[in-house]
Amino acid sequence: MDEQIANYIRGKVVEIIIVGSAAYLIFILIGINYALALSVLVGSQSLFLT
């Protein structure tokens, strides 16, 4: 049971990093202000929405 929880948490952390990084790159490419703050919000939303 503990291993399943650890794998779930590890998977969510990887998902947040991937989604946040992709959002950051896209925001930088299109020139949005506060790209880092917005990408952190986008990454954290993947935790709550799935």
Protein backbone atom coordinates (compact mmCIF):
# COMPACT_ATOMS: atom_id res chain seq x y z
CA MET A 1 0.00 0.00 0.00
CA ASP A 2 2.77 2.44 0.90
CA GLU A 3 4.54 1.70 -2.36
CA GLN A 4 1.40 2.54 -4.34
CA ILE A 5 1.03 5.87 -2.56
CA ALA A 6 4.70 6.68 -3.13
CA ASN A 7 4.37 5.84 -6.83
CA TYR A 8 1.26 8.02 -7.11
CA ILE A 9 3.01 10.98 -5.47
CA ARG A 10 6.13 10.48 -7.57
CA GLY A 11 4.01 10.37 -10.74
CA LYS A 12 2.16 13.55 -9.79
CA VAL A 13 5.43 15.38 -9.12
CA VAL A 14 6.77 14.32 -12.52
CA GLU A 15 3.51 15.42 -14.16
CA ILE A 16 3.64 18.82 -12.46
CA ILE A 17 7.25 19.34 -13.57
CA ILE A 18 6.51 18.36 -17.17
CA VAL A 19 3.33 20.42 -17.48
CA GLY A 20 4.86 23.43 -15.73
CA SER A 21 8.00 23.32 -17.85
CA ALA A 22 6.05 23.04 -21.08
CA ALA A 23 3.80 25.92 -20.06
CA TYR A 24 6.84 28.03 -19.13
CA LEU A 25 8.48 27.44 -22.50
CA ILE A 26 5.30 28.29 -24.37
CA PHE A 27 4.68 31.40 -22.28
CA ILE A 28 8.26 32.59 -22.88
CA LEU A 29 7.99 31.93 -26.63
CA ILE A 30 4.81 33.97 -26.98
CA GLY A 31 6.09 36.72 -24.69
CA ILE A 32 3.67 36.60 -21.78
CA ASN A 33 4.64 38.60 -18.70
CA TYR A 34 5.09 36.69 -15.43
CA ALA A 35 5.64 33.43 -17.32
CA LEU A 36 7.22 31.67 -14.34
CA ALA A 37 4.38 32.51 -11.95
CA LEU A 38 1.78 31.46 -14.50
CA SER A 39 3.55 28.20 -15.27
CA VAL A 40 3.67 27.36 -11.55
CA LEU A 41 -0.08 27.91 -11.42
CA VAL A 42 -0.63 25.73 -14.49
CA GLY A 43 1.50 22.96 -13.02
CA SER A 44 -0.27 23.07 -9.69
CA GLN A 45 -3.66 22.92 -11.42
CA SER A 46 -2.73 19.52 -12.80
CA LEU A 47 -2.57 18.33 -9.20
CA PHE A 48 -6.10 19.48 -8.40
CA LEU A 49 -7.87 18.73 -11.67
CA THR A 50 -6.91 15.09 -12.14
